[in-house]
PDB file of all heavy atoms in Angstrom:
ATOM      1  N   ASP A   1       7.277   5.182  10.097  1.00  0.00           N
ATOM      2  CA  ASP A   1       6.391   6.319   9.929  1.00  0.00           C
ATOM      3  C   ASP A   1       7.124   7.446   9.198  1.00  0.00           C
ATOM      4  O   ASP A   1       8.219   7.838   9.596  1.00  0.00           O
ATOM      5  CB  ASP A   1       5.952   6.778  11.320  1.00  0.00           C
ATOM      6  CG  ASP A   1       4.837   7.796  11.307  1.00  0.00           C
ATOM      7  OD1 ASP A   1       4.519   8.343  10.237  1.00  0.00           O
ATOM      8  OD2 ASP A   1       4.285   8.056  12.386  1.00  0.00           O
ATOM      9  N   GLY A   2       6.527   7.942   8.103  1.00  0.00           N
ATOM     10  CA  GLY A   2       7.078   9.088   7.393  1.00  0.00           C
ATOM     11  C   GLY A   2       8.351   8.846   6.603  1.00  0.00           C
ATOM     12  O   GLY A   2       9.076   9.790   6.299  1.00  0.00           O
ATOM     13  N   ALA A   3       8.637   7.615   6.237  1.00  0.00           N
ATOM     14  CA  ALA A   3       9.868   7.299   5.502  1.00  0.00           C
ATOM     15  C   ALA A   3       9.913   7.960   4.128  1.00  0.00           C
ATOM     16  O   ALA A   3      10.998   8.245   3.607  1.00  0.00           O
ATOM     17  CB  ALA A   3      10.027   5.781   5.359  1.00  0.00           C
ATOM     18  N   PHE A   4       8.756   8.210   3.518  1.00  0.00           N
ATOM     19  CA  PHE A   4       8.672   8.802   2.180  1.00  0.00           C
ATOM     20  C   PHE A   4       7.659   9.935   2.175  1.00  0.00           C
ATOM     21  O   PHE A   4       6.784  10.000   3.031  1.00  0.00           O
ATOM     22  CB  PHE A   4       8.260   7.735   1.150  1.00  0.00           C
ATOM     23  CG  PHE A   4       9.321   6.695   0.933  1.00  0.00           C
ATOM     24  CD1 PHE A   4       9.348   5.538   1.698  1.00  0.00           C
ATOM     25  CD2 PHE A   4      10.310   6.887  -0.020  1.00  0.00           C
ATOM     26  CE1 PHE A   4      10.345   4.599   1.518  1.00  0.00           C
ATOM     27  CE2 PHE A   4      11.309   5.951  -0.211  1.00  0.00           C
ATOM     28  CZ  PHE A   4      11.323   4.799   0.560  1.00  0.00           C
ATOM     29  N   ASP A   5       7.800  10.791   1.168  1.00  0.00           N
ATOM     30  CA  ASP A   5       6.818  11.853   0.986  1.00  0.00           C
ATOM     31  C   ASP A   5       5.608  11.333   0.225  1.00  0.00           C
ATOM     32  O   ASP A   5       4.466  11.606   0.606  1.00  0.00           O
ATOM     33  CB  ASP A   5       7.449  13.020   0.212  1.00  0.00           C
ATOM     34  CG  ASP A   5       8.618  13.636   0.965  1.00  0.00           C
ATOM     35  OD1 ASP A   5       8.441  14.001   2.143  1.00  0.00           O
ATOM     36  OD2 ASP A   5       9.710  13.729   0.383  1.00  0.00           O
ATOM     37  N   VAL A   6       5.859  10.604  -0.855  1.00  0.00           N
ATOM     38  CA  VAL A   6       4.803  10.089  -1.722  1.00  0.00           C
ATOM     39  C   VAL A   6       5.075   8.622  -2.003  1.00  0.00           C
ATOM     40  O   VAL A   6       6.225   8.244  -2.271  1.00  0.00           O
ATOM     41  CB  VAL A   6       4.756  10.866  -3.064  1.00  0.00           C
ATOM     42  CG1 VAL A   6       3.741  10.255  -4.020  1.00  0.00           C
ATOM     43  CG2 VAL A   6       4.462  12.344  -2.830  1.00  0.00           C
ATOM     44  N   ALA A   7       4.042   7.799  -1.932  1.00  0.00           N
ATOM     45  CA  ALA A   7       4.186   6.376  -2.271  1.00  0.00           C
ATOM     46  C   ALA A   7       3.105   5.997  -3.281  1.00  0.00           C
ATOM     47  O   ALA A   7       1.944   6.408  -3.154  1.00  0.00           O
ATOM     48  CB  ALA A   7       4.063   5.494  -1.035  1.00  0.00           C
ATOM     49  N   PHE A   8       3.538   5.235  -4.292  1.00  0.00           N
ATOM     50  CA  PHE A   8       2.644   4.683  -5.303  1.00  0.00           C
ATOM     51  C   PHE A   8       2.621   3.173  -5.124  1.00  0.00           C
ATOM     52  O   PHE A   8       3.658   2.575  -4.866  1.00  0.00           O
ATOM     53  CB  PHE A   8       3.171   4.941  -6.721  1.00  0.00           C
ATOM     54  CG  PHE A   8       3.441   6.375  -7.051  1.00  0.00           C
ATOM     55  CD1 PHE A   8       4.732   6.831  -7.192  1.00  0.00           C
ATOM     56  CD2 PHE A   8       2.393   7.262  -7.251  1.00  0.00           C
ATOM     57  CE1 PHE A   8       4.989   8.154  -7.529  1.00  0.00           C
ATOM     58  CE2 PHE A   8       2.638   8.578  -7.585  1.00  0.00           C
ATOM     59  CZ  PHE A   8       3.945   9.025  -7.730  1.00  0.00           C
ATOM     60  N   ALA A   9       1.463   2.578  -5.291  1.00  0.00           N
ATOM     61  CA  ALA A   9       1.363   1.116  -5.283  1.00  0.00           C
ATOM     62  C   ALA A   9       0.449   0.708  -6.433  1.00  0.00           C
ATOM     63  O   ALA A   9      -0.687   1.168  -6.511  1.00  0.00           O
ATOM     64  CB  ALA A   9       0.818   0.603  -3.954  1.00  0.00           C
ATOM     65  N   ASP A  10       0.983  -0.128  -7.309  1.00  0.00           N
ATOM     66  CA  ASP A  10       0.210  -0.616  -8.456  1.00  0.00           C
ATOM     67  C   ASP A  10       0.337  -2.138  -8.498  1.00  0.00           C
ATOM     68  O   ASP A  10       0.974  -2.688  -9.389  1.00  0.00           O
ATOM     69  CB  ASP A  10       0.725   0.028  -9.747  1.00  0.00           C
ATOM     70  CG  ASP A  10      -0.095  -0.371 -10.963  1.00  0.00           C
ATOM     71  OD1 ASP A  10      -1.165  -0.986 -10.789  1.00  0.00           O
ATOM     72  OD2 ASP A  10       0.350  -0.085 -12.082  1.00  0.00           O
ATOM     73  N   PRO A  11      -0.252  -2.820  -7.511  1.00  0.00           N
ATOM     74  CA  PRO A  11      -0.103  -4.274  -7.430  1.00  0.00           C
ATOM     75  C   PRO A  11      -0.962  -5.006  -8.441  1.00  0.00           C
ATOM     76  O   PRO A  11      -1.914  -4.436  -8.990  1.00  0.00           O
ATOM     77  CB  PRO A  11      -0.574  -4.583  -6.006  1.00  0.00           C
ATOM     78  CG  PRO A  11      -1.563  -3.511  -5.699  1.00  0.00           C
ATOM     79  CD  PRO A  11      -1.056  -2.282  -6.414  1.00  0.00           C
ATOM     80  N   PRO A  12      -0.652  -6.275  -8.681  1.00  0.00           N
ATOM     81  CA  PRO A  12      -1.551  -7.098  -9.509  1.00  0.00           C
ATOM     82  C   PRO A  12      -2.955  -7.078  -8.897  1.00  0.00           C
ATOM     83  O   PRO A  12      -3.113  -7.079  -7.676  1.00  0.00           O
ATOM     84  CB  PRO A  12      -0.938  -8.496  -9.429  1.00  0.00           C
ATOM     85  CG  PRO A  12       0.477  -8.278  -9.023  1.00  0.00           C
ATOM     86  CD  PRO A  12       0.491  -7.038  -8.171  1.00  0.00           C
ATOM     87  N   TYR A  13      -3.943  -7.036  -9.759  1.00  0.00           N
ATOM     88  CA  TYR A  13      -5.331  -7.006  -9.301  1.00  0.00           C
ATOM     89  C   TYR A  13      -5.756  -8.370  -8.756  1.00  0.00           C
ATOM     90  O   TYR A  13      -5.173  -9.395  -9.068  1.00  0.00           O
ATOM     91  CB  TYR A  13      -6.263  -6.644 -10.454  1.00  0.00           C
ATOM     92  CG  TYR A  13      -6.189  -5.206 -10.933  1.00  0.00           C
ATOM     93  CD1 TYR A  13      -6.948  -4.799 -12.009  1.00  0.00           C
ATOM     94  CD2 TYR A  13      -5.384  -4.254 -10.320  1.00  0.00           C
ATOM     95  CE1 TYR A  13      -6.908  -3.492 -12.479  1.00  0.00           C
ATOM     96  CE2 TYR A  13      -5.335  -2.948 -10.776  1.00  0.00           C
ATOM     97  CZ  TYR A  13      -6.102  -2.567 -11.859  1.00  0.00           C
ATOM     98  OH  TYR A  13      -6.067  -1.277 -12.310  1.00  0.00           O
ATOM     99  N   ALA A  14      -6.817  -8.351  -7.957  1.00  0.00           N
ATOM    100  CA  ALA A  14      -7.533  -9.544  -7.485  1.00  0.00           C
ATOM    101  C   ALA A  14      -6.683 -10.497  -6.664  1.00  0.00           C
ATOM    102  O   ALA A  14      -6.937 -11.694  -6.636  1.00  0.00           O
ATOM    103  CB  ALA A  14      -8.180 -10.282  -8.660  1.00  0.00           C
ATOM    104  N   GLN A  15      -5.660  -9.975  -5.977  1.00  0.00           N
ATOM    105  CA  GLN A  15      -4.858 -10.821  -5.097  1.00  0.00           C
ATOM    106  C   GLN A  15      -4.850 -10.299  -3.665  1.00  0.00           C
ATOM    107  O   GLN A  15      -4.147 -10.829  -2.819  1.00  0.00           O
ATOM    108  CB  GLN A  15      -3.420 -10.925  -5.630  1.00  0.00           C
ATOM    109  CG  GLN A  15      -3.335 -11.608  -6.966  1.00  0.00           C
ATOM    110  CD  GLN A  15      -1.899 -11.729  -7.462  1.00  0.00           C
ATOM    111  OE1 GLN A  15      -0.949 -11.672  -6.690  1.00  0.00           O
ATOM    112  NE2 GLN A  15      -1.745 -11.910  -8.759  1.00  0.00           N
ATOM    113  N   GLY A  16      -5.590  -9.222  -3.409  1.00  0.00           N
ATOM    114  CA  GLY A  16      -5.656  -8.651  -2.068  1.00  0.00           C
ATOM    115  C   GLY A  16      -4.442  -7.805  -1.705  1.00  0.00           C
ATOM    116  O   GLY A  16      -4.333  -7.347  -0.571  1.00  0.00           O
ATOM    117  N   LEU A  17      -3.546  -7.574  -2.658  1.00  0.00           N
ATOM    118  CA  LEU A  17      -2.319  -6.841  -2.359  1.00  0.00           C
ATOM    119  C   LEU A  17      -2.571  -5.349  -2.157  1.00  0.00           C
ATOM    120  O   LEU A  17      -1.936  -4.717  -1.311  1.00  0.00           O
ATOM    121  CB  LEU A  17      -1.290  -7.077  -3.458  1.00  0.00           C
ATOM    122  CG  LEU A  17      -0.865  -8.537  -3.636  1.00  0.00           C
ATOM    123  CD1 LEU A  17       0.006  -8.701  -4.872  1.00  0.00           C
ATOM    124  CD2 LEU A  17      -0.152  -9.047  -2.401  1.00  0.00           C
ATOM    125  N   ALA A  18      -3.489  -4.774  -2.913  1.00  0.00           N
ATOM    126  CA  ALA A  18      -3.816  -3.356  -2.740  1.00  0.00           C
ATOM    127  C   ALA A  18      -4.338  -3.112  -1.321  1.00  0.00           C
ATOM    128  O   ALA A  18      -3.924  -2.157  -0.649  1.00  0.00           O
ATOM    129  CB  ALA A  18      -4.856  -2.927  -3.772  1.00  0.00           C
ATOM    130  N   GLN A  19      -5.194  -4.000  -0.855  1.00  0.00           N
ATOM    131  CA  GLN A  19      -5.742  -3.869   0.484  1.00  0.00           C
ATOM    132  C   GLN A  19      -4.652  -4.042   1.549  1.00  0.00           C
ATOM    133  O   GLN A  19      -4.647  -3.320   2.554  1.00  0.00           O
ATOM    134  CB  GLN A  19      -6.867  -4.893   0.705  1.00  0.00           C
ATOM    135  CG  GLN A  19      -8.070  -4.665  -0.177  1.00  0.00           C
ATOM    136  CD  GLN A  19      -7.958  -5.324  -1.559  1.00  0.00           C
ATOM    137  OE1 GLN A  19      -6.896  -5.754  -1.999  1.00  0.00           O
ATOM    138  NE2 GLN A  19      -9.080  -5.383  -2.267  1.00  0.00           N
ATOM    139  N   ARG A  20      -3.730  -4.974   1.331  1.00  0.00           N
ATOM    140  CA  ARG A  20      -2.643  -5.191   2.302  1.00  0.00           C
ATOM    141  C   ARG A  20      -1.760  -3.968   2.446  1.00  0.00           C
ATOM    142  O   ARG A  20      -1.391  -3.576   3.559  1.00  0.00           O
ATOM    143  CB  ARG A  20      -1.790  -6.396   1.907  1.00  0.00           C
ATOM    144  CG  ARG A  20      -2.462  -7.717   2.219  1.00  0.00           C
ATOM    145  CD  ARG A  20      -1.619  -8.900   1.858  1.00  0.00           C
ATOM    146  NE  ARG A  20      -0.366  -8.937   2.613  1.00  0.00           N
ATOM    147  CZ  ARG A  20       0.591  -9.833   2.408  1.00  0.00           C
ATOM    148  NH1 ARG A  20       0.461 -10.748   1.470  1.00  0.00           N
ATOM    149  NH2 ARG A  20       1.684  -9.827   3.126  1.00  0.00           N
ATOM    150  N   VAL A  21      -1.412  -3.355   1.311  1.00  0.00           N
ATOM    151  CA  VAL A  21      -0.568  -2.156   1.368  1.00  0.00           C
ATOM    152  C   VAL A  21      -1.313  -1.023   2.069  1.00  0.00           C
ATOM    153  O   VAL A  21      -0.748  -0.333   2.923  1.00  0.00           O
ATOM    154  CB  VAL A  21      -0.115  -1.732  -0.049  1.00  0.00           C
ATOM    155  CG1 VAL A  21       0.539  -0.360  -0.027  1.00  0.00           C
ATOM    156  CG2 VAL A  21       0.846  -2.767  -0.627  1.00  0.00           C
ATOM    157  N   ALA A  22      -2.586  -0.830   1.737  1.00  0.00           N
ATOM    158  CA  ALA A  22      -3.369   0.235   2.368  1.00  0.00           C
ATOM    159  C   ALA A  22      -3.512  -0.001   3.869  1.00  0.00           C
ATOM    160  O   ALA A  22      -3.371   0.942   4.665  1.00  0.00           O
ATOM    161  CB  ALA A  22      -4.736   0.336   1.713  1.00  0.00           C
ATOM    162  N   LYS A  23      -3.774  -1.239   4.265  1.00  0.00           N
ATOM    163  CA  LYS A  23      -3.890  -1.545   5.704  1.00  0.00           C
ATOM    164  C   LYS A  23      -2.585  -1.258   6.430  1.00  0.00           C
ATOM    165  O   LYS A  23      -2.588  -0.716   7.536  1.00  0.00           O
ATOM    166  CB  LYS A  23      -4.312  -3.002   5.907  1.00  0.00           C
ATOM    167  CG  LYS A  23      -5.764  -3.242   5.607  1.00  0.00           C
ATOM    168  CD  LYS A  23      -6.140  -4.703   5.784  1.00  0.00           C
ATOM    169  CE  LYS A  23      -7.563  -4.954   5.350  1.00  0.00           C
ATOM    170  NZ  LYS A  23      -7.921  -6.365   5.379  1.00  0.00           N
ATOM    171  N   ARG A  24      -1.471  -1.612   5.822  1.00  0.00           N
ATOM    172  CA  ARG A  24      -0.167  -1.325   6.440  1.00  0.00           C
ATOM    173  C   ARG A  24       0.028   0.178   6.587  1.00  0.00           C
ATOM    174  O   ARG A  24       0.490   0.654   7.619  1.00  0.00           O
ATOM    175  CB  ARG A  24       0.972  -1.951   5.621  1.00  0.00           C
ATOM    176  CG  ARG A  24       2.342  -1.608   6.128  1.00  0.00           C
ATOM    177  CD  ARG A  24       2.590  -2.114   7.538  1.00  0.00           C
ATOM    178  NE  ARG A  24       3.920  -1.744   7.972  1.00  0.00           N
ATOM    179  CZ  ARG A  24       4.333  -1.788   9.216  1.00  0.00           C
ATOM    180  NH1 ARG A  24       3.530  -2.220  10.179  1.00  0.00           N
ATOM    181  NH2 ARG A  24       5.562  -1.432   9.531  1.00  0.00           N
ATOM    182  N   TRP A  25      -0.337   0.943   5.559  1.00  0.00           N
ATOM    183  CA  TRP A  25      -0.200   2.395   5.634  1.00  0.00           C
ATOM    184  C   TRP A  25      -1.080   2.958   6.753  1.00  0.00           C
ATOM    185  O   TRP A  25      -0.668   3.875   7.465  1.00  0.00           O
ATOM    186  CB  TRP A  25      -0.570   3.039   4.299  1.00  0.00           C
ATOM    187  CG  TRP A  25      -0.308   4.520   4.309  1.00  0.00           C
ATOM    188  CD1 TRP A  25       0.848   5.155   3.956  1.00  0.00           C
ATOM    189  CD2 TRP A  25      -1.212   5.543   4.731  1.00  0.00           C
ATOM    190  NE1 TRP A  25       0.706   6.516   4.127  1.00  0.00           N
ATOM    191  CE2 TRP A  25      -0.553   6.774   4.599  1.00  0.00           C
ATOM    192  CE3 TRP A  25      -2.522   5.537   5.201  1.00  0.00           C
ATOM    193  CZ2 TRP A  25      -1.151   7.992   4.927  1.00  0.00           C
ATOM    194  CZ3 TRP A  25      -3.122   6.745   5.524  1.00  0.00           C
ATOM    195  CH2 TRP A  25      -2.440   7.953   5.387  1.00  0.00           C
ATOM    196  N   LEU A  26      -2.275   2.419   6.915  1.00  0.00           N
ATOM    197  CA  LEU A  26      -3.154   2.888   7.990  1.00  0.00           C
ATOM    198  C   LEU A  26      -2.563   2.588   9.366  1.00  0.00           C
ATOM    199  O   LEU A  26      -2.761   3.356  10.307  1.00  0.00           O
ATOM    200  CB  LEU A  26      -4.544   2.275   7.846  1.00  0.00           C
ATOM    201  CG  LEU A  26      -5.363   2.804   6.662  1.00  0.00           C
ATOM    202  CD1 LEU A  26      -6.571   1.917   6.403  1.00  0.00           C
ATOM    203  CD2 LEU A  26      -5.767   4.258   6.875  1.00  0.00           C
ATOM    204  N   GLU A  27      -1.810   1.492   9.486  1.00  0.00           N
ATOM    205  CA  GLU A  27      -1.134   1.149  10.743  1.00  0.00           C
ATOM    206  C   GLU A  27       0.096   2.030  10.964  1.00  0.00           C
ATOM    207  O   GLU A  27       0.324   2.533  12.068  1.00  0.00           O
ATOM    208  CB  GLU A  27      -0.685  -0.316  10.733  1.00  0.00           C
ATOM    209  CG  GLU A  27      -1.799  -1.314  10.727  1.00  0.00           C
ATOM    210  CD  GLU A  27      -1.308  -2.724  10.394  1.00  0.00           C
ATOM    211  OE1 GLU A  27      -0.097  -2.930  10.181  1.00  0.00           O
ATOM    212  OE2 GLU A  27      -2.162  -3.632  10.342  1.00  0.00           O
TER     213      GLU A  27
END
């Protein structure tokens, strides 16, 4: 929790990776 101030994620499209990163951030 709180390891960074700002995080960017630009994963390959259509592989569900954007959703995985967002779900992890929500957790």
